[in-house]
Amino acid sequence: MVRPVAPAISAEQIRDANARYHDVAAVHYDSKWGIDFGAMGQEQVTTKVRKALRGEPPRFERSLEIGSGTGYFTLNLMQAGLIGEATCSDISPGMLSTLTENASRLGLEVTTTPADAERLPFADGSFDLVLGHAVLHHIPHLELAFSEFARVLAPGGTLLFAGEPSRYGDRLATVPKRFARTIAPLWRAALRASAARAHSSDDDDEALEGVVDVHAFAPSELARLARAAGFRSVRVSGEELLANWFGWTNRTLEATADPEEVPWAWKMYAYRGYLMLQQLDRRLLESRLPAAIFYNLMIAAQKPA
């Protein structure tokens, strides 16, 4: 089941919080999450698409990304030759501004549109692919959103979302986070790094993080949402278990330190270790274990022709 929206918070308040939170986050989003638009970024994104579609993807001439952020998925897929004409939507103007800068730097032409996923400003059948990464868990009313995804897709079009938190995987992720917070003082002492400076008390953007993450999913619920909207050939799969534990441990440790004092050698260890464990997950675990225990879920489906 989808984790329900907290009754004390309205859907409009959640949308407003998402816009404000991501406007602020847009400035440092790419550096915070290590987003890459080179060969590594393209490999990461195309691998996710292959896993979600369970095979080599075709070229999609008209795509719409929901909650596109700074362009991680769309811009990498365009560079890989899998997308032709791209439209990117997001509830955050700040994110779309950063995406436009990224696209210009890469020499790519992208149409950006501020939009709420529950009320998309596009005509029926406008796209061959509707996709997104780490966005569904921010949307208050998913039934409305999936209905809109189906409406704007052309007959035979593809739906693809990745990076969505699973409920069980989300709970598992609390273990490395707690462990990292416990050992953080020893870790900082070993690296000779100072503690991170506290945010000013009048800056409430940190508090928004608990508001914007609305859902964690069971695989069956994601599949039900897609089928209820009329999609067929629905496939839900999981990715990242060991890599997730490793990644959250390191991110939590790094968040406790002054970022200028975290050694480059540590950052390279964390980055390369994550990639190595990601490969291990992919080759040994993802095809053998239930999707629900992985941190990230992916869903792919087709609109009937």
C-alpha atoms as a PDB file:
ATOM      1  CA  MET A   1       0.000   0.000   0.000  1.00  0.00           C
ATOM      2  CA  VAL A   2       1.015   3.610  -0.561  1.00  0.00           C
ATOM      3  CA  ARG A   3       1.811   5.483   2.627  1.00  0.00           C
ATOM      4  CA  PRO A   4      -1.119   7.938   2.953  1.00  0.00           C
ATOM      5  CA  VAL A   5      -0.764  11.701   2.972  1.00  0.00           C
ATOM      6  CA  ALA A   6      -0.729  13.041   6.525  1.00  0.00           C
ATOM      7  CA  PRO A   7      -4.285  14.282   7.245  1.00  0.00           C
ATOM      8  CA  ALA A   8      -3.036  17.503   8.871  1.00  0.00           C
ATOM      9  CA  ILE A   9      -1.433  18.626   5.619  1.00  0.00           C
ATOM     10  CA  SER A  10      -3.476  19.446   2.536  1.00  0.00           C
ATOM     11  CA  ALA A  11      -2.456  18.490  -0.977  1.00  0.00           C
ATOM     12  CA  GLU A  12      -2.029  22.170  -1.828  1.00  0.00           C
ATOM     13  CA  GLN A  13       0.324  22.644   1.124  1.00  0.00           C
ATOM     14  CA  ILE A  14       2.382  19.655  -0.056  1.00  0.00           C
ATOM     15  CA  ARG A  15       2.631  21.108  -3.566  1.00  0.00           C
ATOM     16  CA  ASP A  16       3.674  24.484  -2.181  1.00  0.00           C
ATOM     17  CA  ALA A  17       6.279  22.851   0.073  1.00  0.00           C
ATOM     18  CA  ASN A  18       7.653  20.866  -2.877  1.00  0.00           C
ATOM     19  CA  ALA A  19       8.022  24.022  -4.987  1.00  0.00           C
ATOM     20  CA  ARG A  20       9.758  25.976  -2.204  1.00  0.00           C
ATOM     21  CA  TYR A  21      11.993  23.124  -1.068  1.00  0.00           C
ATOM     22  CA  HIS A  22      13.172  22.251  -4.570  1.00  0.00           C
ATOM     23  CA  ASP A  23      13.648  25.898  -5.565  1.00  0.00           C
ATOM     24  CA  VAL A  24      16.176  26.185  -2.736  1.00  0.00           C
ATOM     25  CA  ALA A  25      17.708  22.757  -3.438  1.00  0.00           C
ATOM     26  CA  ALA A  26      18.194  23.486  -7.157  1.00  0.00           C
ATOM     27  CA  VAL A  27      21.298  25.630  -6.610  1.00  0.00           C
ATOM     28  CA  HIS A  28      23.399  22.801  -5.139  1.00  0.00           C
ATOM     29  CA  TYR A  29      21.372  19.779  -6.254  1.00  0.00           C
ATOM     30  CA  ASP A  30      23.798  18.399  -8.836  1.00  0.00           C
ATOM     31  CA  SER A  31      26.839  18.658  -6.569  1.00  0.00           C
ATOM     32  CA  LYS A  32      24.977  17.264  -3.530  1.00  0.00           C
ATOM     33  CA  TRP A  33      23.858  14.116  -5.353  1.00  0.00           C
ATOM     34  CA  GLY A  34      26.888  13.734  -7.637  1.00  0.00           C
ATOM     35  CA  ILE A  35      24.803  14.144 -10.796  1.00  0.00           C
ATOM     36  CA  ASP A  36      26.890  13.599 -13.912  1.00  0.00           C
ATOM     37  CA  PHE A  37      26.111  14.460 -17.520  1.00  0.00           C
ATOM     38  CA  GLY A  38      29.133  12.708 -19.008  1.00  0.00           C
ATOM     39  CA  ALA A  39      29.747   9.080 -19.930  1.00  0.00           C
ATOM     40  CA  MET A  40      29.149   7.876 -16.370  1.00  0.00           C
ATOM     41  CA  GLY A  41      25.804   9.649 -16.092  1.00  0.00           C
ATOM     42  CA  GLN A  42      24.667   8.273 -19.435  1.00  0.00           C
ATOM     43  CA  GLU A  43      25.679   4.758 -18.415  1.00  0.00           C
ATOM     44  CA  GLN A  44      23.812   5.047 -15.105  1.00  0.00           C
ATOM     45  CA  VAL A  45      20.608   6.302 -16.706  1.00  0.00           C
ATOM     46  CA  THR A  46      20.553   4.001 -19.729  1.00  0.00           C
ATOM     47  CA  THR A  47      21.202   0.997 -17.467  1.00  0.00           C
ATOM     48  CA  LYS A  48      18.175   1.941 -15.359  1.00  0.00           C
ATOM     49  CA  VAL A  49      16.054   2.225 -18.507  1.00  0.00           C
ATOM     50  CA  ARG A  50      17.222  -1.178 -19.774  1.00  0.00           C
ATOM     51  CA  LYS A  51      16.425  -2.790 -16.430  1.00  0.00           C
ATOM     52  CA  ALA A  52      12.990  -1.180 -16.226  1.00  0.00           C
ATOM     53  CA  LEU A  53      12.093  -2.140 -19.810  1.00  0.00           C
ATOM     54  CA  ARG A  54      13.898  -5.511 -19.519  1.00  0.00           C
ATOM     55  CA  GLY A  55      15.692  -5.077 -22.798  1.00  0.00           C
ATOM     56  CA  GLU A  56      17.232  -2.592 -25.174  1.00  0.00           C
ATOM     57  CA  PRO A  57      15.096   0.571 -25.342  1.00  0.00           C
ATOM     58  CA  PRO A  58      13.904   2.014 -28.654  1.00  0.00           C
ATOM     59  CA  ARG A  59      14.360   5.676 -29.575  1.00  0.00           C
ATOM     60  CA  PHE A  60      11.467   7.793 -28.283  1.00  0.00           C
ATOM     61  CA  GLU A  61      10.767  10.750 -30.554  1.00  0.00           C
ATOM     62  CA  ARG A  62       8.610  12.756 -28.107  1.00  0.00           C
ATOM     63  CA  SER A  63       9.192  12.512 -24.378  1.00  0.00           C
ATOM     64  CA  LEU A  64       7.774  14.191 -21.291  1.00  0.00           C
ATOM     65  CA  GLU A  65       9.608  14.032 -17.990  1.00  0.00           C
ATOM     66  CA  ILE A  66       7.593  14.571 -14.805  1.00  0.00           C
ATOM     67  CA  GLY A  67       9.448  16.289 -11.977  1.00  0.00           C
ATOM     68  CA  SER A  68      12.531  16.572 -14.166  1.00  0.00           C
ATOM     69  CA  GLY A  69      14.649  18.398 -11.596  1.00  0.00           C
ATOM     70  CA  THR A  70      17.945  19.549 -13.101  1.00  0.00           C
ATOM     71  CA  GLY A  71      17.680  17.169 -16.053  1.00  0.00           C
ATOM     72  CA  TYR A  72      19.494  14.044 -14.872  1.00  0.00           C
ATOM     73  CA  PHE A  73      17.304  11.594 -16.789  1.00  0.00           C
ATOM     74  CA  THR A  74      16.252  13.522 -19.879  1.00  0.00           C
ATOM     75  CA  LEU A  75      19.594  15.188 -20.679  1.00  0.00           C
ATOM     76  CA  ASN A  76      21.537  11.950 -20.307  1.00  0.00           C
ATOM     77  CA  LEU A  77      19.018  10.036 -22.429  1.00  0.00           C
ATOM     78  CA  MET A  78      19.180  12.720 -25.110  1.00  0.00           C
ATOM     79  CA  GLN A  79      22.967  12.487 -25.203  1.00  0.00           C
ATOM     80  CA  ALA A  80      22.678   8.699 -25.453  1.00  0.00           C
ATOM     81  CA  GLY A  81      20.418   9.101 -28.500  1.00  0.00           C
ATOM     82  CA  LEU A  82      17.324   7.561 -26.887  1.00  0.00           C
ATOM     83  CA  ILE A  83      15.198  10.718 -26.898  1.00  0.00           C
ATOM     84  CA  GLY A  84      14.475  13.082 -29.763  1.00  0.00           C
ATOM     85  CA  GLU A  85      12.177  15.984 -28.832  1.00  0.00           C
ATOM     86  CA  ALA A  86      12.152  16.476 -25.042  1.00  0.00           C
ATOM     87  CA  THR A  87       9.719  18.324 -22.790  1.00  0.00           C
ATOM     88  CA  CYS A  88      10.583  18.653 -19.098  1.00  0.00           C
ATOM     89  CA  SER A  89       8.050  19.607 -16.438  1.00  0.00           C
ATOM     90  CA  ASP A  90       8.502  20.354 -12.758  1.00  0.00           C
ATOM     91  CA  ILE A  91       6.554  22.082 -10.008  1.00  0.00           C
ATOM     92  CA  SER A  92       9.753  23.991  -9.112  1.00  0.00           C
ATOM     93  CA  PRO A  93      10.751  26.916 -11.369  1.00  0.00           C
ATOM     94  CA  GLY A  94      14.175  26.842  -9.718  1.00  0.00           C
ATOM     95  CA  MET A  95      14.804  23.294 -10.881  1.00  0.00           C
ATOM     96  CA  LEU A  96      13.715  24.133 -14.428  1.00  0.00           C
ATOM     97  CA  SER A  97      16.042  27.131 -14.452  1.00  0.00           C
ATOM     98  CA  THR A  98      19.009  24.931 -13.499  1.00  0.00           C
ATOM     99  CA  LEU A  99      17.927  22.343 -16.087  1.00  0.00           C
ATOM    100  CA  THR A 100      17.880  25.033 -18.782  1.00  0.00           C
ATOM    101  CA  GLU A 101      21.425  26.058 -17.827  1.00  0.00           C
ATOM    102  CA  ASN A 102      22.566  22.422 -17.954  1.00  0.00           C
ATOM    103  CA  ALA A 103      20.943  21.869 -21.348  1.00  0.00           C
ATOM    104  CA  SER A 104      22.531  25.028 -22.769  1.00  0.00           C
ATOM    105  CA  ARG A 105      25.951  23.983 -21.508  1.00  0.00           C
ATOM    106  CA  LEU A 106      25.518  20.568 -23.165  1.00  0.00           C
ATOM    107  CA  GLY A 107      24.234  22.048 -26.432  1.00  0.00           C
ATOM    108  CA  LEU A 108      20.789  20.423 -26.087  1.00  0.00           C
ATOM    109  CA  GLU A 109      17.370  21.913 -26.890  1.00  0.00           C
ATOM    110  CA  VAL A 110      14.691  21.148 -24.307  1.00  0.00           C
ATOM    111  CA  THR A 111      11.230  22.617 -23.738  1.00  0.00           C
ATOM    112  CA  THR A 112      10.549  23.342 -20.048  1.00  0.00           C
ATOM    113  CA  THR A 113       7.091  23.798 -18.542  1.00  0.00           C
ATOM    114  CA  PRO A 114       6.162  24.468 -14.896  1.00  0.00           C
ATOM    115  CA  ALA A 115       3.443  21.909 -14.200  1.00  0.00           C
ATOM    116  CA  ASP A 116       1.607  19.971 -11.528  1.00  0.00           C
ATOM    117  CA  ALA A 117       1.641  16.241 -12.357  1.00  0.00           C
ATOM    118  CA  GLU A 118      -2.027  15.978 -11.409  1.00  0.00           C
ATOM    119  CA  ARG A 119      -3.035  18.610 -14.014  1.00  0.00           C
ATOM    120  CA  LEU A 120      -0.711  18.418 -17.005  1.00  0.00           C
ATOM    121  CA  PRO A 121      -1.047  21.290 -19.535  1.00  0.00           C
ATOM    122  CA  PHE A 122      -0.590  19.080 -22.611  1.00  0.00           C
ATOM    123  CA  ALA A 123      -2.959  17.745 -25.250  1.00  0.00           C
ATOM    124  CA  ASP A 124      -4.073  14.113 -25.358  1.00  0.00           C
ATOM    125  CA  GLY A 125      -1.604  11.741 -27.032  1.00  0.00           C
ATOM    126  CA  SER A 126       1.249  14.273 -27.156  1.00  0.00           C
ATOM    127  CA  PHE A 127       4.126  11.969 -26.166  1.00  0.00           C
ATOM    128  CA  ASP A 128       5.614   8.560 -26.890  1.00  0.00           C
ATOM    129  CA  LEU A 129       7.308   8.342 -23.478  1.00  0.00           C
ATOM    130  CA  VAL A 130       6.330   9.678 -20.053  1.00  0.00           C
ATOM    131  CA  LEU A 131       9.122   9.210 -17.551  1.00  0.00           C
ATOM    132  CA  GLY A 132      10.455  10.393 -14.228  1.00  0.00           C
ATOM    133  CA  HIS A 133      13.072   9.742 -11.581  1.00  0.00           C
ATOM    134  CA  ALA A 134      12.419   9.994  -7.818  1.00  0.00           C
ATOM    135  CA  VAL A 135       9.240  12.003  -8.289  1.00  0.00           C
ATOM    136  CA  LEU A 136       6.149   9.843  -7.663  1.00  0.00           C
ATOM    137  CA  HIS A 137       6.709   9.871  -3.897  1.00  0.00           C
ATOM    138  CA  HIS A 138       6.270  13.682  -3.920  1.00  0.00           C
ATOM    139  CA  ILE A 139       2.820  13.674  -5.596  1.00  0.00           C
ATOM    140  CA  PRO A 140      -0.203  13.869  -3.233  1.00  0.00           C
ATOM    141  CA  HIS A 141      -2.883  12.282  -5.455  1.00  0.00           C
ATOM    142  CA  LEU A 142      -1.257   9.537  -7.491  1.00  0.00           C
ATOM    143  CA  GLU A 143      -4.488   8.269  -9.054  1.00  0.00           C
ATOM    144  CA  LEU A 144      -4.994  11.656 -10.731  1.00  0.00           C
ATOM    145  CA  ALA A 145      -1.358  11.756 -11.818  1.00  0.00           C
ATOM    146  CA  PHE A 146      -1.401   8.286 -13.404  1.00  0.00           C
ATOM    147  CA  SER A 147      -4.608   9.190 -15.207  1.00  0.00           C
ATOM    148  CA  GLU A 148      -2.852  12.250 -16.632  1.00  0.00           C
ATOM    149  CA  PHE A 149       0.167  10.177 -17.673  1.00  0.00           C
ATOM    150  CA  ALA A 150      -2.139   7.882 -19.640  1.00  0.00           C
ATOM    151  CA  ARG A 151      -4.002  10.802 -21.199  1.00  0.00           C
ATOM    152  CA  VAL A 152      -0.945  12.587 -22.597  1.00  0.00           C
ATOM    153  CA  LEU A 153       0.652   9.377 -23.902  1.00  0.00           C
ATOM    154  CA  ALA A 154       0.002   8.357 -27.487  1.00  0.00           C
ATOM    155  CA  PRO A 155      -1.503   4.883 -28.038  1.00  0.00           C
ATOM    156  CA  GLY A 156       1.262   2.331 -27.622  1.00  0.00           C
ATOM    157  CA  GLY A 157       3.330   4.832 -25.592  1.00  0.00           C
ATOM    158  CA  THR A 158       5.624   3.883 -22.713  1.00  0.00           C
ATOM    159  CA  LEU A 159       5.461   4.821 -19.039  1.00  0.00           C
ATOM    160  CA  LEU A 160       8.719   4.604 -17.072  1.00  0.00           C
ATOM    161  CA  PHE A 161       9.546   5.773 -13.555  1.00  0.00           C
ATOM    162  CA  ALA A 162      12.625   4.905 -11.502  1.00  0.00           C
ATOM    163  CA  GLY A 163      14.181   5.844  -8.171  1.00  0.00           C
ATOM    164  CA  GLU A 164      11.006   5.486  -6.093  1.00  0.00           C
ATOM    165  CA  PRO A 165      11.469   4.474  -2.424  1.00  0.00           C
ATOM    166  CA  SER A 166      10.068   1.113  -1.396  1.00  0.00           C
ATOM    167  CA  ARG A 167       8.456   0.973   2.029  1.00  0.00           C
ATOM    168  CA  TYR A 168      10.533  -1.934   3.278  1.00  0.00           C
ATOM    169  CA  GLY A 169      13.710  -0.596   1.693  1.00  0.00           C
ATOM    170  CA  ASP A 170      13.022   2.793   3.243  1.00  0.00           C
ATOM    171  CA  ARG A 171      12.890   1.174   6.663  1.00  0.00           C
ATOM    172  CA  LEU A 172      16.089  -0.759   6.004  1.00  0.00           C
ATOM    173  CA  ALA A 173      17.816   2.505   5.097  1.00  0.00           C
ATOM    174  CA  THR A 174      17.311   3.798   8.654  1.00  0.00           C
ATOM    175  CA  VAL A 175      19.837   1.212   9.902  1.00  0.00           C
ATOM    176  CA  PRO A 176      22.937   2.639   8.141  1.00  0.00           C
ATOM    177  CA  LYS A 177      21.767   6.175   8.905  1.00  0.00           C
ATOM    178  CA  ARG A 178      21.553   5.454  12.655  1.00  0.00           C
ATOM    179  CA  PHE A 179      24.906   3.683  12.578  1.00  0.00           C
ATOM    180  CA  ALA A 180      26.536   6.597  10.758  1.00  0.00           C
ATOM    181  CA  ARG A 181      25.171   9.177  13.204  1.00  0.00           C
ATOM    182  CA  THR A 182      26.551   7.103  16.086  1.00  0.00           C
ATOM    183  CA  ILE A 183      30.087   6.877  14.733  1.00  0.00           C
ATOM    184  CA  ALA A 184      30.163  10.350  13.145  1.00  0.00           C
ATOM    185  CA  PRO A 185      32.291  11.992  15.895  1.00  0.00           C
ATOM    186  CA  LEU A 186      34.925   9.251  15.593  1.00  0.00           C
ATOM    187  CA  TRP A 187      34.825   9.468  11.791  1.00  0.00           C
ATOM    188  CA  ARG A 188      35.331  13.254  11.829  1.00  0.00           C
ATOM    189  CA  ALA A 189      38.204  12.902  14.295  1.00  0.00           C
ATOM    190  CA  ALA A 190      39.904  10.317  12.070  1.00  0.00           C
ATOM    191  CA  LEU A 191      39.575  12.585   9.031  1.00  0.00           C
ATOM    192  CA  ARG A 192      40.373  15.727  11.050  1.00  0.00           C
ATOM    193  CA  ALA A 193      37.176  17.345   9.795  1.00  0.00           C
ATOM    194  CA  SER A 194      35.156  19.911  11.742  1.00  0.00           C
ATOM    195  CA  ALA A 195      31.489  19.439  12.508  1.00  0.00           C
ATOM    196  CA  ALA A 196      29.075  20.992  10.023  1.00  0.00           C
ATOM    197  CA  ARG A 197      27.869  24.430  10.943  1.00  0.00           C
ATOM    198  CA  ALA A 198      24.281  24.565  12.156  1.00  0.00           C
ATOM    199  CA  HIS A 199      21.671  26.205   9.944  1.00  0.00           C
ATOM    200  CA  SER A 200      20.236  29.502  11.129  1.00  0.00           C
ATOM    201  CA  SER A 201      17.064  29.137  13.167  1.00  0.00           C
ATOM    202  CA  ASP A 202      15.022  31.258  10.755  1.00  0.00           C
ATOM    203  CA  ASP A 203      15.800  28.973   7.821  1.00  0.00           C
ATOM    204  CA  ASP A 204      12.879  26.537   7.746  1.00  0.00           C
ATOM    205  CA  ASP A 205      13.715  24.878   4.436  1.00  0.00           C
ATOM    206  CA  GLU A 206      15.226  21.850   6.197  1.00  0.00           C
ATOM    207  CA  ALA A 207      11.874  21.243   7.883  1.00  0.00           C
ATOM    208  CA  LEU A 208      10.217  20.976   4.478  1.00  0.00           C
ATOM    209  CA  GLU A 209      12.039  17.713   3.749  1.00  0.00           C
ATOM    210  CA  GLY A 210       9.670  15.855   6.061  1.00  0.00           C
ATOM    211  CA  VAL A 211       6.699  17.303   4.173  1.00  0.00           C
ATOM    212  CA  VAL A 212       7.715  16.776   0.552  1.00  0.00           C
ATOM    213  CA  ASP A 213       8.319  13.001   0.852  1.00  0.00           C
ATOM    214  CA  VAL A 214       4.704  11.873   0.863  1.00  0.00           C
ATOM    215  CA  HIS A 215       4.846   8.174  -0.060  1.00  0.00           C
ATOM    216  CA  ALA A 216       6.874   5.017   0.200  1.00  0.00           C
ATOM    217  CA  PHE A 217       5.620   2.168  -1.976  1.00  0.00           C
ATOM    218  CA  ALA A 218       4.899  -1.518  -2.064  1.00  0.00           C
ATOM    219  CA  PRO A 219       5.563  -2.924  -5.567  1.00  0.00           C
ATOM    220  CA  SER A 220       1.989  -4.192  -5.811  1.00  0.00           C
ATOM    221  CA  GLU A 221       0.593  -0.720  -5.151  1.00  0.00           C
ATOM    222  CA  LEU A 222       2.624   0.871  -7.922  1.00  0.00           C
ATOM    223  CA  ALA A 223       1.399  -1.830 -10.282  1.00  0.00           C
ATOM    224  CA  ARG A 224      -2.204  -1.282  -9.165  1.00  0.00           C
ATOM    225  CA  LEU A 225      -1.993   2.467  -9.831  1.00  0.00           C
ATOM    226  CA  ALA A 226      -0.760   1.835 -13.377  1.00  0.00           C
ATOM    227  CA  ARG A 227      -3.379  -0.813 -14.163  1.00  0.00           C
ATOM    228  CA  ALA A 228      -6.178   1.342 -12.759  1.00  0.00           C
ATOM    229  CA  ALA A 229      -5.140   4.096 -15.197  1.00  0.00           C
ATOM    230  CA  GLY A 230      -5.458   1.643 -18.104  1.00  0.00           C
ATOM    231  CA  PHE A 231      -1.833   0.622 -18.568  1.00  0.00           C
ATOM    232  CA  ARG A 232      -0.869  -2.888 -19.612  1.00  0.00           C
ATOM    233  CA  SER A 233       2.333  -4.977 -19.490  1.00  0.00           C
ATOM    234  CA  VAL A 234       3.056  -3.451 -16.080  1.00  0.00           C
ATOM    235  CA  ARG A 235       6.438  -4.417 -14.603  1.00  0.00           C
ATOM    236  CA  VAL A 236       7.787  -3.350 -11.206  1.00  0.00           C
ATOM    237  CA  SER A 237      11.374  -4.173 -10.236  1.00  0.00           C
ATOM    238  CA  GLY A 238      13.826  -3.193  -7.513  1.00  0.00           C
ATOM    239  CA  GLU A 239      17.407  -1.950  -7.503  1.00  0.00           C
ATOM    240  CA  GLU A 240      20.139  -1.108  -4.997  1.00  0.00           C
ATOM    241  CA  LEU A 241      20.466  -2.928  -1.694  1.00  0.00           C
ATOM    242  CA  LEU A 242      24.152  -3.130  -0.737  1.00  0.00           C
ATOM    243  CA  ALA A 243      24.881   0.082  -2.642  1.00  0.00           C
ATOM    244  CA  ASN A 244      22.058   1.784  -0.776  1.00  0.00           C
ATOM    245  CA  TRP A 245      23.384   0.793   2.654  1.00  0.00           C
ATOM    246  CA  PHE A 246      26.876   1.921   1.699  1.00  0.00           C
ATOM    247  CA  GLY A 247      25.642   5.154   0.131  1.00  0.00           C
ATOM    248  CA  TRP A 248      23.399   6.209   3.017  1.00  0.00           C
ATOM    249  CA  THR A 249      26.142   5.489   5.547  1.00  0.00           C
ATOM    250  CA  ASN A 250      28.563   7.733   3.698  1.00  0.00           C
ATOM    251  CA  ARG A 251      26.059  10.496   2.944  1.00  0.00           C
ATOM    252  CA  THR A 252      25.002  10.627   6.593  1.00  0.00           C
ATOM    253  CA  LEU A 253      28.613  10.815   7.757  1.00  0.00           C
ATOM    254  CA  GLU A 254      29.451  13.539   5.256  1.00  0.00           C
ATOM    255  CA  ALA A 255      26.401  15.585   6.265  1.00  0.00           C
ATOM    256  CA  THR A 256      27.823  15.908   9.792  1.00  0.00           C
ATOM    257  CA  ALA A 257      31.097  17.491   8.599  1.00  0.00           C
ATOM    258  CA  ASP A 258      32.195  20.763   7.054  1.00  0.00           C
ATOM    259  CA  PRO A 259      32.134  19.797   3.345  1.00  0.00           C
ATOM    260  CA  GLU A 260      35.335  21.757   2.679  1.00  0.00           C
ATOM    261  CA  GLU A 261      37.198  19.537   5.153  1.00  0.00           C
ATOM    262  CA  VAL A 262      36.110  16.123   3.827  1.00  0.00           C
ATOM    263  CA  PRO A 263      39.232  14.758   2.051  1.00  0.00           C
ATOM    264  CA  TRP A 264      39.143  14.090  -1.684  1.00  0.00           C
ATOM    265  CA  ALA A 265      40.442  10.563  -1.046  1.00  0.00           C
ATOM    266  CA  TRP A 266      37.378   9.831   1.085  1.00  0.00           C
ATOM    267  CA  LYS A 267      35.036  11.167  -1.594  1.00  0.00           C
ATOM    268  CA  MET A 268      36.639   8.954  -4.246  1.00  0.00           C
ATOM    269  CA  TYR A 269      36.447   5.929  -1.936  1.00  0.00           C
ATOM    270  CA  ALA A 270      32.746   6.588  -1.320  1.00  0.00           C
ATOM    271  CA  TYR A 271      32.027   7.143  -5.023  1.00  0.00           C
ATOM    272  CA  ARG A 272      33.926   4.128  -6.329  1.00  0.00           C
ATOM    273  CA  GLY A 273      32.658   1.880  -3.545  1.00  0.00           C
ATOM    274  CA  TYR A 274      29.076   2.835  -4.380  1.00  0.00           C
ATOM    275  CA  LEU A 275      29.589   2.006  -8.072  1.00  0.00           C
ATOM    276  CA  MET A 276      31.197  -1.333  -7.219  1.00  0.00           C
ATOM    277  CA  LEU A 277      28.340  -2.367  -4.927  1.00  0.00           C
ATOM    278  CA  GLN A 278      25.821  -1.145  -7.497  1.00  0.00           C
ATOM    279  CA  GLN A 279      27.345  -3.631  -9.949  1.00  0.00           C
ATOM    280  CA  LEU A 280      27.185  -6.378  -7.320  1.00  0.00           C
ATOM    281  CA  ASP A 281      23.516  -5.633  -6.685  1.00  0.00           C
ATOM    282  CA  ARG A 282      22.813  -5.700 -10.411  1.00  0.00           C
ATOM    283  CA  ARG A 283      24.636  -8.935 -11.169  1.00  0.00           C
ATOM    284  CA  LEU A 284      23.837 -11.025  -8.093  1.00  0.00           C
ATOM    285  CA  LEU A 285      20.857  -9.708  -6.146  1.00  0.00           C
ATOM    286  CA  GLU A 286      18.349  -7.807  -8.269  1.00  0.00           C
ATOM    287  CA  SER A 287      17.302 -10.836 -10.303  1.00  0.00           C
ATOM    288  CA  ARG A 288      17.125 -13.136  -7.270  1.00  0.00           C
ATOM    289  CA  LEU A 289      15.507 -11.171  -4.438  1.00  0.00           C
ATOM    290  CA  PRO A 290      11.981  -9.688  -4.130  1.00  0.00           C
ATOM    291  CA  ALA A 291      11.656  -6.125  -5.415  1.00  0.00           C
ATOM    292  CA  ALA A 292      10.208  -4.960  -2.098  1.00  0.00           C
ATOM    293  CA  ILE A 293      13.449  -5.286  -0.133  1.00  0.00           C
ATOM    294  CA  PHE A 294      15.431  -2.980  -2.435  1.00  0.00           C
ATOM    295  CA  TYR A 295      15.574   0.723  -1.691  1.00  0.00           C
ATOM    296  CA  ASN A 296      14.551   1.874  -5.181  1.00  0.00           C
ATOM    297  CA  LEU A 297      11.602   0.691  -7.247  1.00  0.00           C
ATOM    298  CA  MET A 298      11.151   1.063 -11.010  1.00  0.00           C
ATOM    299  CA  ILE A 299       7.908   0.739 -12.940  1.00  0.00           C
ATOM    300  CA  ALA A 300       7.419   0.366 -16.687  1.00  0.00           C
ATOM    301  CA  ALA A 301       4.128  -0.059 -18.566  1.00  0.00           C
ATOM    302  CA  GLN A 302       2.497   0.431 -21.931  1.00  0.00           C
ATOM    303  CA  LYS A 303      -0.598   2.319 -23.013  1.00  0.00           C
ATOM    304  CA  PRO A 304      -2.707   0.021 -25.201  1.00  0.00           C
ATOM    305  CA  ALA A 305      -2.262   0.680 -28.902  1.00  0.00           C
END
